[in-house]
Amino acid sequence: MFKIYLLSCLIFLSISIFGQFEPAPNEQGTIAIHKDSTLFLSWANQISLFRGKENILDNLSPITSFGEEENALNKAEGNSMDVVSLGDSGVAILSFPNGISDGQGYDFAVFENAFDDHLLELAFVEVSSNGVYFARFPNRSFIPLDNQLTGFEYSNCSYVNNLAGKYRQGYGTPFDLNEIQDTLIDKNHITHVKIIDVIGDISGSHTSYDSEGEIINDPFPTPYPSSGFDLDAIGVINEAKVELFENNSYSKSMVLFPNPAENELFLQNLSSNEIKIFNLQGKLIYSNINNLNSNTSIDINWLKKGLYFLKNGQHGILFEKK
């Protein structure tokens, strides 16, 4: 028993001192992929954005405002400015001209704007093959918990696995769809990637946990307009050759407006008599099976602010309730 305990201590000590996962760009064993790599076949070209607060602990905190959502589209810029900040627990959902498939090796990479190898801002990464149900990449963080990281404290990228933001600006953190075991998604026809800001509060009030239930220590609070994860781009390495359509939908026929909407949604070119609305966790929160006209409207005053997915027949569109 003592030998097992001693071995466990040595393993933990080696993780604490040397890290366990891949090192920084340009170091031996790194998996960082430069933005100019010929591996990238395409880039995200559509986004739905739901920003969080600058400081989730402050009820009066403004919503994060740095950067335009278009900054996360197309090729990564690799600088500190051409990004969009998500804020505390903010969410960005991106789609791609040809989708993503589970090919050989890594399938896509996420770019953040850290200007140093060890000044990390992290995010969870999830994928979907229908825009409704998302599966999260298994992830780990061995960042020490002896003190709360702030926006200007060093961490270590080799303590982190399968969390976006592992690498500095200009270098993407790659993800391999083969690591997801969830059978409810089609890994050869990924249509959407969701980026969710990690709240790095280690005190317990707004704590984020990795896949093994360990606390993730990330800079917190960061009460600035650029709070939270700063998304630069998502580059596709293995394309699915699935045709995607405008407005994050998988059909051109249905039209939804305005988007974002506050009180009422107007729908055109409906293909069935049933409308369903799902939240981002894939839970059905509204269903209407009345005899609908091809053009109709629905009251959404009752919805809370946020992103939702409206489905009609085989057609679906993401929309924002403001």
C-alpha atoms as a PDB file:
ATOM      1  CA  MET A   1       0.000   0.000   0.000  1.00  0.00           C
ATOM      2  CA  PHE A   2       2.826   2.422   0.871  1.00  0.00           C
ATOM      3  CA  LYS A   3       4.489   1.726  -2.493  1.00  0.00           C
ATOM      4  CA  ILE A   4       1.224   2.484  -4.317  1.00  0.00           C
ATOM      5  CA  TYR A   5       0.776   5.692  -2.307  1.00  0.00           C
ATOM      6  CA  LEU A   6       4.382   6.740  -2.981  1.00  0.00           C
ATOM      7  CA  LEU A   7       3.988   6.021  -6.699  1.00  0.00           C
ATOM      8  CA  SER A   8       0.804   8.112  -6.788  1.00  0.00           C
ATOM      9  CA  CYS A   9       2.610  10.992  -5.096  1.00  0.00           C
ATOM     10  CA  LEU A  10       5.472  10.799  -7.581  1.00  0.00           C
ATOM     11  CA  ILE A  11       3.058  10.787 -10.525  1.00  0.00           C
ATOM     12  CA  PHE A  12       1.224  13.816  -9.144  1.00  0.00           C
ATOM     13  CA  LEU A  13       4.540  15.577  -8.498  1.00  0.00           C
ATOM     14  CA  SER A  14       5.732  14.914 -12.053  1.00  0.00           C
ATOM     15  CA  ILE A  15       2.477  16.352 -13.420  1.00  0.00           C
ATOM     16  CA  SER A  16       2.791  19.417 -11.188  1.00  0.00           C
ATOM     17  CA  ILE A  17       6.375  20.121 -12.182  1.00  0.00           C
ATOM     18  CA  PHE A  18       6.648  18.998 -15.777  1.00  0.00           C
ATOM     19  CA  GLY A  19       3.075  18.777 -17.021  1.00  0.00           C
ATOM     20  CA  GLN A  20       1.646  15.755 -18.766  1.00  0.00           C
ATOM     21  CA  PHE A  21       0.439  16.909 -22.149  1.00  0.00           C
ATOM     22  CA  GLU A  22       1.957  18.410 -25.283  1.00  0.00           C
ATOM     23  CA  PRO A  23       4.243  21.460 -24.888  1.00  0.00           C
ATOM     24  CA  ALA A  24       4.258  24.918 -26.448  1.00  0.00           C
ATOM     25  CA  PRO A  25       4.700  25.650 -30.174  1.00  0.00           C
ATOM     26  CA  ASN A  26       8.192  25.040 -31.532  1.00  0.00           C
ATOM     27  CA  GLU A  27       8.996  22.647 -28.683  1.00  0.00           C
ATOM     28  CA  GLN A  28       9.593  18.958 -29.324  1.00  0.00           C
ATOM     29  CA  GLY A  29       6.352  17.019 -29.139  1.00  0.00           C
ATOM     30  CA  THR A  30       4.012  19.979 -29.649  1.00  0.00           C
ATOM     31  CA  ILE A  31       0.738  19.493 -31.540  1.00  0.00           C
ATOM     32  CA  ALA A  32       0.227  23.221 -32.225  1.00  0.00           C
ATOM     33  CA  ILE A  33      -0.679  23.950 -35.856  1.00  0.00           C
ATOM     34  CA  HIS A  34       0.287  27.301 -37.394  1.00  0.00           C
ATOM     35  CA  LYS A  35      -2.445  29.309 -39.072  1.00  0.00           C
ATOM     36  CA  ASP A  36      -0.616  29.179 -42.420  1.00  0.00           C
ATOM     37  CA  SER A  37      -0.382  25.387 -42.449  1.00  0.00           C
ATOM     38  CA  THR A  38      -1.453  23.725 -45.693  1.00  0.00           C
ATOM     39  CA  LEU A  39      -3.401  21.230 -43.545  1.00  0.00           C
ATOM     40  CA  PHE A  40      -6.313  23.649 -43.411  1.00  0.00           C
ATOM     41  CA  LEU A  41      -8.814  23.124 -46.214  1.00  0.00           C
ATOM     42  CA  SER A  42     -11.456  25.615 -45.072  1.00  0.00           C
ATOM     43  CA  TRP A  43     -12.532  27.843 -42.200  1.00  0.00           C
ATOM     44  CA  ALA A  44     -15.740  28.549 -40.275  1.00  0.00           C
ATOM     45  CA  ASN A  45     -17.938  30.882 -42.288  1.00  0.00           C
ATOM     46  CA  GLN A  46     -21.032  31.335 -40.074  1.00  0.00           C
ATOM     47  CA  ILE A  47     -21.456  32.112 -36.375  1.00  0.00           C
ATOM     48  CA  SER A  48     -24.163  32.470 -33.740  1.00  0.00           C
ATOM     49  CA  LEU A  49     -22.881  34.326 -30.691  1.00  0.00           C
ATOM     50  CA  PHE A  50     -24.193  34.637 -27.126  1.00  0.00           C
ATOM     51  CA  ARG A  51     -21.816  36.699 -25.015  1.00  0.00           C
ATOM     52  CA  GLY A  52     -21.453  36.481 -21.260  1.00  0.00           C
ATOM     53  CA  LYS A  53     -20.748  39.162 -18.668  1.00  0.00           C
ATOM     54  CA  GLU A  54     -17.393  40.786 -18.087  1.00  0.00           C
ATOM     55  CA  ASN A  55     -17.656  39.548 -14.490  1.00  0.00           C
ATOM     56  CA  ILE A  56     -20.286  36.934 -13.711  1.00  0.00           C
ATOM     57  CA  LEU A  57     -19.922  37.661  -9.972  1.00  0.00           C
ATOM     58  CA  ASP A  58     -21.265  41.194 -10.483  1.00  0.00           C
ATOM     59  CA  ASN A  59     -25.006  41.468 -11.168  1.00  0.00           C
ATOM     60  CA  LEU A  60     -24.421  44.914 -12.655  1.00  0.00           C
ATOM     61  CA  SER A  61     -21.566  43.821 -14.877  1.00  0.00           C
ATOM     62  CA  PRO A  62     -21.885  44.802 -18.543  1.00  0.00           C
ATOM     63  CA  ILE A  63     -21.855  42.190 -21.275  1.00  0.00           C
ATOM     64  CA  THR A  64     -18.453  41.593 -22.866  1.00  0.00           C
ATOM     65  CA  SER A  65     -18.175  43.712 -25.994  1.00  0.00           C
ATOM     66  CA  PHE A  66     -14.697  43.399 -27.500  1.00  0.00           C
ATOM     67  CA  GLY A  67     -14.538  42.454 -31.174  1.00  0.00           C
ATOM     68  CA  GLU A  68     -17.127  41.740 -33.837  1.00  0.00           C
ATOM     69  CA  GLU A  69     -18.514  38.255 -34.352  1.00  0.00           C
ATOM     70  CA  GLU A  70     -17.248  38.320 -37.950  1.00  0.00           C
ATOM     71  CA  ASN A  71     -13.714  38.317 -36.536  1.00  0.00           C
ATOM     72  CA  ALA A  72     -14.116  34.607 -35.777  1.00  0.00           C
ATOM     73  CA  LEU A  73     -14.881  33.757 -39.405  1.00  0.00           C
ATOM     74  CA  ASN A  74     -12.519  32.773 -42.190  1.00  0.00           C
ATOM     75  CA  LYS A  75      -8.771  32.338 -41.739  1.00  0.00           C
ATOM     76  CA  ALA A  76      -7.130  33.015 -38.362  1.00  0.00           C
ATOM     77  CA  GLU A  77      -5.408  36.398 -38.145  1.00  0.00           C
ATOM     78  CA  GLY A  78      -3.048  35.385 -35.363  1.00  0.00           C
ATOM     79  CA  ASN A  79      -3.037  38.713 -33.513  1.00  0.00           C
ATOM     80  CA  SER A  80      -4.538  40.160 -30.340  1.00  0.00           C
ATOM     81  CA  MET A  81      -7.160  42.394 -31.945  1.00  0.00           C
ATOM     82  CA  ASP A  82      -8.997  40.498 -34.706  1.00  0.00           C
ATOM     83  CA  VAL A  83     -10.995  38.268 -32.360  1.00  0.00           C
ATOM     84  CA  VAL A  84     -14.383  38.182 -30.649  1.00  0.00           C
ATOM     85  CA  SER A  85     -14.487  37.908 -26.841  1.00  0.00           C
ATOM     86  CA  LEU A  86     -17.074  35.551 -25.358  1.00  0.00           C
ATOM     87  CA  GLY A  87     -17.214  36.805 -21.762  1.00  0.00           C
ATOM     88  CA  ASP A  88     -17.833  34.620 -18.705  1.00  0.00           C
ATOM     89  CA  SER A  89     -19.523  31.406 -19.886  1.00  0.00           C
ATOM     90  CA  GLY A  90     -20.164  32.935 -23.315  1.00  0.00           C
ATOM     91  CA  VAL A  91     -20.997  30.664 -26.253  1.00  0.00           C
ATOM     92  CA  ALA A  92     -20.145  30.744 -29.953  1.00  0.00           C
ATOM     93  CA  ILE A  93     -21.584  28.206 -32.413  1.00  0.00           C
ATOM     94  CA  LEU A  94     -19.858  28.021 -35.778  1.00  0.00           C
ATOM     95  CA  SER A  95     -20.608  26.187 -39.007  1.00  0.00           C
ATOM     96  CA  PHE A  96     -18.575  25.460 -42.103  1.00  0.00           C
ATOM     97  CA  PRO A  97     -18.909  25.439 -45.890  1.00  0.00           C
ATOM     98  CA  ASN A  98     -18.400  21.660 -46.171  1.00  0.00           C
ATOM     99  CA  GLY A  99     -18.685  20.381 -42.608  1.00  0.00           C
ATOM    100  CA  ILE A 100     -16.071  18.291 -40.772  1.00  0.00           C
ATOM    101  CA  SER A 101     -15.406  14.547 -40.800  1.00  0.00           C
ATOM    102  CA  ASP A 102     -13.455  12.119 -38.651  1.00  0.00           C
ATOM    103  CA  GLY A 103     -10.455  11.543 -40.867  1.00  0.00           C
ATOM    104  CA  GLN A 104      -6.888  10.520 -40.193  1.00  0.00           C
ATOM    105  CA  GLY A 105      -5.336  12.454 -37.312  1.00  0.00           C
ATOM    106  CA  TYR A 106      -6.675  15.795 -36.197  1.00  0.00           C
ATOM    107  CA  ASP A 107      -9.851  17.078 -37.867  1.00  0.00           C
ATOM    108  CA  PHE A 108     -10.001  20.786 -36.954  1.00  0.00           C
ATOM    109  CA  ALA A 109      -8.236  23.379 -34.816  1.00  0.00           C
ATOM    110  CA  VAL A 110      -9.403  26.314 -32.664  1.00  0.00           C
ATOM    111  CA  PHE A 111      -7.429  29.566 -32.497  1.00  0.00           C
ATOM    112  CA  GLU A 112      -7.274  31.987 -29.534  1.00  0.00           C
ATOM    113  CA  ASN A 113      -5.265  35.199 -29.101  1.00  0.00           C
ATOM    114  CA  ALA A 114      -2.947  34.607 -26.126  1.00  0.00           C
ATOM    115  CA  PHE A 115       0.276  36.543 -26.713  1.00  0.00           C
ATOM    116  CA  ASP A 116       2.369  34.188 -24.580  1.00  0.00           C
ATOM    117  CA  ASP A 117       2.720  30.407 -24.396  1.00  0.00           C
ATOM    118  CA  HIS A 118       1.521  30.323 -20.792  1.00  0.00           C
ATOM    119  CA  LEU A 119      -1.073  33.113 -20.522  1.00  0.00           C
ATOM    120  CA  LEU A 120      -4.027  30.847 -21.225  1.00  0.00           C
ATOM    121  CA  GLU A 121      -7.740  31.528 -21.574  1.00  0.00           C
ATOM    122  CA  LEU A 122      -9.582  28.270 -22.029  1.00  0.00           C
ATOM    123  CA  ALA A 123     -12.845  27.018 -23.522  1.00  0.00           C
ATOM    124  CA  PHE A 124     -14.749  23.755 -23.805  1.00  0.00           C
ATOM    125  CA  VAL A 125     -15.288  22.405 -27.319  1.00  0.00           C
ATOM    126  CA  GLU A 126     -18.407  20.537 -28.431  1.00  0.00           C
ATOM    127  CA  VAL A 127     -19.562  19.268 -31.831  1.00  0.00           C
ATOM    128  CA  SER A 128     -22.910  18.475 -33.422  1.00  0.00           C
ATOM    129  CA  SER A 129     -24.145  16.759 -36.569  1.00  0.00           C
ATOM    130  CA  ASN A 130     -27.568  18.449 -36.521  1.00  0.00           C
ATOM    131  CA  GLY A 131     -27.158  21.762 -34.688  1.00  0.00           C
ATOM    132  CA  VAL A 132     -29.318  20.558 -31.782  1.00  0.00           C
ATOM    133  CA  TYR A 133     -27.462  17.844 -29.871  1.00  0.00           C
ATOM    134  CA  PHE A 134     -23.814  18.527 -28.974  1.00  0.00           C
ATOM    135  CA  ALA A 135     -21.141  16.185 -27.612  1.00  0.00           C
ATOM    136  CA  ARG A 136     -18.196  17.548 -25.620  1.00  0.00           C
ATOM    137  CA  PHE A 137     -14.581  16.541 -26.141  1.00  0.00           C
ATOM    138  CA  PRO A 138     -13.115  14.754 -23.119  1.00  0.00           C
ATOM    139  CA  ASN A 139     -10.730  17.208 -21.498  1.00  0.00           C
ATOM    140  CA  ARG A 140      -8.256  17.478 -18.642  1.00  0.00           C
ATOM    141  CA  SER A 141      -6.633  20.257 -16.655  1.00  0.00           C
ATOM    142  CA  PHE A 142      -3.758  19.801 -14.219  1.00  0.00           C
ATOM    143  CA  ILE A 143      -3.262  23.526 -13.621  1.00  0.00           C
ATOM    144  CA  PRO A 144      -2.369  23.843  -9.899  1.00  0.00           C
ATOM    145  CA  LEU A 145      -5.106  25.063  -7.572  1.00  0.00           C
ATOM    146  CA  ASP A 146      -2.923  26.593  -4.867  1.00  0.00           C
ATOM    147  CA  ASN A 147      -3.920  30.114  -5.947  1.00  0.00           C
ATOM    148  CA  GLN A 148      -6.501  31.684  -8.232  1.00  0.00           C
ATOM    149  CA  LEU A 149      -5.041  32.677 -11.590  1.00  0.00           C
ATOM    150  CA  THR A 150      -5.703  36.249 -12.648  1.00  0.00           C
ATOM    151  CA  GLY A 151      -5.483  37.830 -16.079  1.00  0.00           C
ATOM    152  CA  PHE A 152      -1.740  38.427 -15.725  1.00  0.00           C
ATOM    153  CA  GLU A 153      -0.466  35.207 -14.130  1.00  0.00           C
ATOM    154  CA  TYR A 154       1.413  32.422 -15.849  1.00  0.00           C
ATOM    155  CA  SER A 155      -0.008  28.958 -16.323  1.00  0.00           C
ATOM    156  CA  ASN A 156       1.420  26.119 -18.431  1.00  0.00           C
ATOM    157  CA  CYS A 157       0.016  24.783 -21.691  1.00  0.00           C
ATOM    158  CA  SER A 158       1.386  21.306 -20.979  1.00  0.00           C
ATOM    159  CA  TYR A 159      -1.073  21.040 -18.067  1.00  0.00           C
ATOM    160  CA  VAL A 160      -4.026  21.166 -20.489  1.00  0.00           C
ATOM    161  CA  ASN A 161      -5.580  18.668 -22.895  1.00  0.00           C
ATOM    162  CA  ASN A 162      -8.519  19.075 -25.301  1.00  0.00           C
ATOM    163  CA  LEU A 163      -9.388  22.588 -24.157  1.00  0.00           C
ATOM    164  CA  ALA A 164      -9.346  25.387 -26.713  1.00  0.00           C
ATOM    165  CA  GLY A 165      -6.847  28.110 -25.870  1.00  0.00           C
ATOM    166  CA  LYS A 166      -3.994  25.726 -25.113  1.00  0.00           C
ATOM    167  CA  TYR A 167      -1.768  27.560 -27.602  1.00  0.00           C
ATOM    168  CA  ARG A 168      -0.791  31.169 -28.216  1.00  0.00           C
ATOM    169  CA  GLN A 169      -2.051  33.359 -31.044  1.00  0.00           C
ATOM    170  CA  GLY A 170      -1.279  32.144 -34.514  1.00  0.00           C
ATOM    171  CA  TYR A 171      -1.269  28.499 -33.423  1.00  0.00           C
ATOM    172  CA  GLY A 172      -4.391  26.340 -33.354  1.00  0.00           C
ATOM    173  CA  THR A 173      -5.275  23.758 -30.734  1.00  0.00           C
ATOM    174  CA  PRO A 174      -6.228  20.644 -32.745  1.00  0.00           C
ATOM    175  CA  PHE A 175      -9.074  18.231 -32.007  1.00  0.00           C
ATOM    176  CA  ASP A 176      -9.586  14.647 -33.167  1.00  0.00           C
ATOM    177  CA  LEU A 177     -13.239  13.571 -33.525  1.00  0.00           C
ATOM    178  CA  ASN A 178     -12.179   9.982 -32.904  1.00  0.00           C
ATOM    179  CA  GLU A 179     -11.808  10.870 -29.218  1.00  0.00           C
ATOM    180  CA  ILE A 180     -15.563  11.439 -28.853  1.00  0.00           C
ATOM    181  CA  GLN A 181     -17.374   8.203 -28.017  1.00  0.00           C
ATOM    182  CA  ASP A 182     -20.907   9.624 -28.050  1.00  0.00           C
ATOM    183  CA  THR A 183     -22.941   7.612 -30.585  1.00  0.00           C
ATOM    184  CA  LEU A 184     -25.680  10.260 -30.876  1.00  0.00           C
ATOM    185  CA  ILE A 185     -23.569  12.316 -33.273  1.00  0.00           C
ATOM    186  CA  ASP A 186     -22.368  11.410 -36.743  1.00  0.00           C
ATOM    187  CA  LYS A 187     -18.634  12.060 -36.589  1.00  0.00           C
ATOM    188  CA  ASN A 188     -18.365  11.918 -40.363  1.00  0.00           C
ATOM    189  CA  HIS A 189     -20.904  14.706 -40.837  1.00  0.00           C
ATOM    190  CA  ILE A 190     -20.169  17.372 -38.219  1.00  0.00           C
ATOM    191  CA  THR A 191     -22.075  20.544 -39.024  1.00  0.00           C
ATOM    192  CA  HIS A 192     -21.461  22.742 -35.956  1.00  0.00           C
ATOM    193  CA  VAL A 193     -18.712  23.402 -33.405  1.00  0.00           C
ATOM    194  CA  LYS A 194     -19.612  25.060 -30.099  1.00  0.00           C
ATOM    195  CA  ILE A 195     -17.042  27.026 -28.070  1.00  0.00           C
ATOM    196  CA  ILE A 196     -17.970  27.609 -24.392  1.00  0.00           C
ATOM    197  CA  ASP A 197     -15.875  29.902 -22.213  1.00  0.00           C
ATOM    198  CA  VAL A 198     -14.397  28.233 -19.130  1.00  0.00           C
ATOM    199  CA  ILE A 199     -15.069  30.194 -15.949  1.00  0.00           C
ATOM    200  CA  GLY A 200     -11.859  29.702 -14.019  1.00  0.00           C
ATOM    201  CA  ASP A 201     -13.178  30.502 -10.544  1.00  0.00           C
ATOM    202  CA  ILE A 202     -11.642  27.949  -8.134  1.00  0.00           C
ATOM    203  CA  SER A 203     -13.664  29.158  -5.123  1.00  0.00           C
ATOM    204  CA  GLY A 204     -16.709  27.085  -6.002  1.00  0.00           C
ATOM    205  CA  SER A 205     -19.295  29.767  -6.743  1.00  0.00           C
ATOM    206  CA  HIS A 206     -18.822  29.628 -10.538  1.00  0.00           C
ATOM    207  CA  THR A 207     -16.411  26.744 -10.923  1.00  0.00           C
ATOM    208  CA  SER A 208     -15.763  24.837 -14.157  1.00  0.00           C
ATOM    209  CA  TYR A 209     -14.713  21.188 -14.102  1.00  0.00           C
ATOM    210  CA  ASP A 210     -12.864  18.971 -16.549  1.00  0.00           C
ATOM    211  CA  SER A 211     -14.125  15.587 -17.701  1.00  0.00           C
ATOM    212  CA  GLU A 212     -12.789  13.885 -14.574  1.00  0.00           C
ATOM    213  CA  GLY A 213     -14.462  16.341 -12.211  1.00  0.00           C
ATOM    214  CA  GLU A 214     -11.288  18.315 -11.459  1.00  0.00           C
ATOM    215  CA  ILE A 215     -11.477  22.096 -11.067  1.00  0.00           C
ATOM    216  CA  ILE A 216     -10.095  24.136 -13.961  1.00  0.00           C
ATOM    217  CA  ASN A 217      -8.020  27.118 -12.836  1.00  0.00           C
ATOM    218  CA  ASP A 218      -8.332  29.830 -15.496  1.00  0.00           C
ATOM    219  CA  PRO A 219      -7.840  33.629 -15.238  1.00  0.00           C
ATOM    220  CA  PHE A 220     -10.718  35.006 -13.121  1.00  0.00           C
ATOM    221  CA  PRO A 221     -12.192  37.487 -12.775  1.00  0.00           C
ATOM    222  CA  THR A 222     -11.321  39.402 -15.956  1.00  0.00           C
ATOM    223  CA  PRO A 223     -13.673  42.408 -15.705  1.00  0.00           C
ATOM    224  CA  TYR A 224     -12.847  43.955 -19.054  1.00  0.00           C
ATOM    225  CA  PRO A 225     -14.646  44.349 -22.397  1.00  0.00           C
ATOM    226  CA  SER A 226     -12.367  41.545 -23.633  1.00  0.00           C
ATOM    227  CA  SER A 227     -13.368  39.163 -20.841  1.00  0.00           C
ATOM    228  CA  GLY A 228     -13.331  35.420 -21.370  1.00  0.00           C
ATOM    229  CA  PHE A 229     -12.168  33.300 -24.282  1.00  0.00           C
ATOM    230  CA  ASP A 230     -11.120  35.322 -27.343  1.00  0.00           C
ATOM    231  CA  LEU A 231     -12.026  33.388 -30.481  1.00  0.00           C
ATOM    232  CA  ASP A 232      -9.935  34.009 -33.576  1.00  0.00           C
ATOM    233  CA  ALA A 233     -10.999  31.207 -35.942  1.00  0.00           C
ATOM    234  CA  ILE A 234     -11.692  27.509 -36.454  1.00  0.00           C
ATOM    235  CA  GLY A 235      -9.812  25.789 -39.266  1.00  0.00           C
ATOM    236  CA  VAL A 236     -10.985  22.522 -40.869  1.00  0.00           C
ATOM    237  CA  ILE A 237      -8.454  19.802 -41.674  1.00  0.00           C
ATOM    238  CA  ASN A 238     -10.798  16.957 -42.686  1.00  0.00           C
ATOM    239  CA  GLU A 239     -13.881  18.108 -44.585  1.00  0.00           C
ATOM    240  CA  ALA A 240     -17.143  16.185 -44.639  1.00  0.00           C
ATOM    241  CA  LYS A 241     -18.326  17.467 -48.024  1.00  0.00           C
ATOM    242  CA  VAL A 242     -21.740  18.065 -46.474  1.00  0.00           C
ATOM    243  CA  GLU A 243     -23.536  21.020 -48.005  1.00  0.00           C
ATOM    244  CA  LEU A 244     -24.494  23.549 -45.354  1.00  0.00           C
ATOM    245  CA  PHE A 245     -26.740  26.485 -45.921  1.00  0.00           C
ATOM    246  CA  GLU A 246     -27.005  30.057 -44.815  1.00  0.00           C
ATOM    247  CA  ASN A 247     -28.159  31.114 -41.356  1.00  0.00           C
ATOM    248  CA  ASN A 248     -26.764  27.988 -39.677  1.00  0.00           C
ATOM    249  CA  SER A 249     -29.544  25.860 -41.138  1.00  0.00           C
ATOM    250  CA  TYR A 250     -29.553  22.656 -43.104  1.00  0.00           C
ATOM    251  CA  SER A 251     -32.133  23.809 -45.621  1.00  0.00           C
ATOM    252  CA  LYS A 252     -32.556  26.858 -47.802  1.00  0.00           C
ATOM    253  CA  SER A 253     -36.332  26.540 -47.936  1.00  0.00           C
ATOM    254  CA  MET A 254     -37.394  27.765 -44.478  1.00  0.00           C
ATOM    255  CA  VAL A 255     -36.982  31.460 -43.684  1.00  0.00           C
ATOM    256  CA  LEU A 256     -36.921  32.888 -40.133  1.00  0.00           C
ATOM    257  CA  PHE A 257     -36.863  36.606 -39.275  1.00  0.00           C
ATOM    258  CA  PRO A 258     -35.960  38.805 -37.498  1.00  0.00           C
ATOM    259  CA  ASN A 259     -32.893  37.165 -36.016  1.00  0.00           C
ATOM    260  CA  PRO A 260     -32.180  38.135 -33.237  1.00  0.00           C
ATOM    261  CA  ALA A 261     -35.832  38.526 -32.231  1.00  0.00           C
ATOM    262  CA  GLU A 262     -37.425  40.020 -29.126  1.00  0.00           C
ATOM    263  CA  ASN A 263     -41.171  39.391 -29.232  1.00  0.00           C
ATOM    264  CA  GLU A 264     -42.209  37.486 -32.339  1.00  0.00           C
ATOM    265  CA  LEU A 265     -40.691  35.195 -34.947  1.00  0.00           C
ATOM    266  CA  PHE A 266     -41.954  35.214 -38.516  1.00  0.00           C
ATOM    267  CA  LEU A 267     -41.594  32.002 -40.515  1.00  0.00           C
ATOM    268  CA  GLN A 268     -41.939  31.406 -44.229  1.00  0.00           C
ATOM    269  CA  ASN A 269     -41.883  28.348 -46.488  1.00  0.00           C
ATOM    270  CA  LEU A 270     -42.698  25.809 -43.769  1.00  0.00           C
ATOM    271  CA  SER A 271     -42.568  22.206 -44.940  1.00  0.00           C
ATOM    272  CA  SER A 272     -44.721  20.593 -42.214  1.00  0.00           C
ATOM    273  CA  ASN A 273     -47.422  21.405 -39.648  1.00  0.00           C
ATOM    274  CA  GLU A 274     -45.094  20.997 -36.674  1.00  0.00           C
ATOM    275  CA  ILE A 275     -42.732  23.521 -35.099  1.00  0.00           C
ATOM    276  CA  LYS A 276     -40.322  22.571 -32.329  1.00  0.00           C
ATOM    277  CA  ILE A 277     -37.911  24.739 -30.338  1.00  0.00           C
ATOM    278  CA  PHE A 278     -34.912  23.254 -28.510  1.00  0.00           C
ATOM    279  CA  ASN A 279     -32.439  24.867 -26.104  1.00  0.00           C
ATOM    280  CA  LEU A 280     -28.683  24.492 -26.617  1.00  0.00           C
ATOM    281  CA  GLN A 281     -28.663  21.332 -24.508  1.00  0.00           C
ATOM    282  CA  GLY A 282     -31.037  19.700 -27.021  1.00  0.00           C
ATOM    283  CA  LYS A 283     -34.053  19.778 -24.663  1.00  0.00           C
ATOM    284  CA  LEU A 284     -37.445  20.286 -26.338  1.00  0.00           C
ATOM    285  CA  ILE A 285     -39.046  23.390 -24.803  1.00  0.00           C
ATOM    286  CA  TYR A 286     -41.818  24.168 -27.296  1.00  0.00           C
ATOM    287  CA  SER A 287     -43.943  22.173 -29.739  1.00  0.00           C
ATOM    288  CA  ASN A 288     -46.818  23.294 -31.970  1.00  0.00           C
ATOM    289  CA  ILE A 289     -48.640  20.690 -34.082  1.00  0.00           C
ATOM    290  CA  ASN A 290     -51.500  22.917 -35.236  1.00  0.00           C
ATOM    291  CA  ASN A 291     -52.450  23.370 -38.854  1.00  0.00           C
ATOM    292  CA  LEU A 292     -49.838  25.939 -39.764  1.00  0.00           C
ATOM    293  CA  ASN A 293     -49.783  27.971 -42.912  1.00  0.00           C
ATOM    294  CA  SER A 294     -46.704  28.084 -45.103  1.00  0.00           C
ATOM    295  CA  ASN A 295     -46.145  31.558 -43.640  1.00  0.00           C
ATOM    296  CA  THR A 296     -46.815  32.084 -39.939  1.00  0.00           C
ATOM    297  CA  SER A 297     -45.549  33.712 -36.753  1.00  0.00           C
ATOM    298  CA  ILE A 298     -45.028  32.578 -33.153  1.00  0.00           C
ATOM    299  CA  ASP A 299     -44.869  34.513 -29.890  1.00  0.00           C
ATOM    300  CA  ILE A 300     -41.489  34.169 -28.116  1.00  0.00           C
ATOM    301  CA  ASN A 301     -41.993  36.713 -25.311  1.00  0.00           C
ATOM    302  CA  TRP A 302     -41.935  33.835 -22.838  1.00  0.00           C
ATOM    303  CA  LEU A 303     -38.442  32.709 -23.846  1.00  0.00           C
ATOM    304  CA  LYS A 304     -35.431  33.737 -21.790  1.00  0.00           C
ATOM    305  CA  LYS A 305     -32.619  35.560 -23.561  1.00  0.00           C
ATOM    306  CA  GLY A 306     -30.272  33.196 -25.340  1.00  0.00           C
ATOM    307  CA  LEU A 307     -29.727  30.927 -28.343  1.00  0.00           C
ATOM    308  CA  TYR A 308     -32.314  28.376 -29.488  1.00  0.00           C
ATOM    309  CA  PHE A 309     -32.863  25.972 -32.359  1.00  0.00           C
ATOM    310  CA  LEU A 310     -36.170  25.985 -34.281  1.00  0.00           C
ATOM    311  CA  LYS A 311     -37.025  22.883 -36.293  1.00  0.00           C
ATOM    312  CA  ASN A 312     -39.736  22.405 -38.925  1.00  0.00           C
ATOM    313  CA  GLY A 313     -39.797  18.986 -40.552  1.00  0.00           C
ATOM    314  CA  GLN A 314     -36.231  18.248 -41.595  1.00  0.00           C
ATOM    315  CA  HIS A 315     -35.286  21.926 -41.614  1.00  0.00           C
ATOM    316  CA  GLY A 316     -33.741  23.875 -38.755  1.00  0.00           C
ATOM    317  CA  ILE A 317     -32.356  27.317 -37.932  1.00  0.00           C
ATOM    318  CA  LEU A 318     -30.520  28.704 -34.912  1.00  0.00           C
ATOM    319  CA  PHE A 319     -31.961  31.971 -33.605  1.00  0.00           C
ATOM    320  CA  GLU A 320     -31.321  34.359 -30.723  1.00  0.00           C
ATOM    321  CA  LYS A 321     -33.952  35.659 -28.295  1.00  0.00           C
ATOM    322  CA  LYS A 322     -32.862  39.108 -27.146  1.00  0.00           C
END
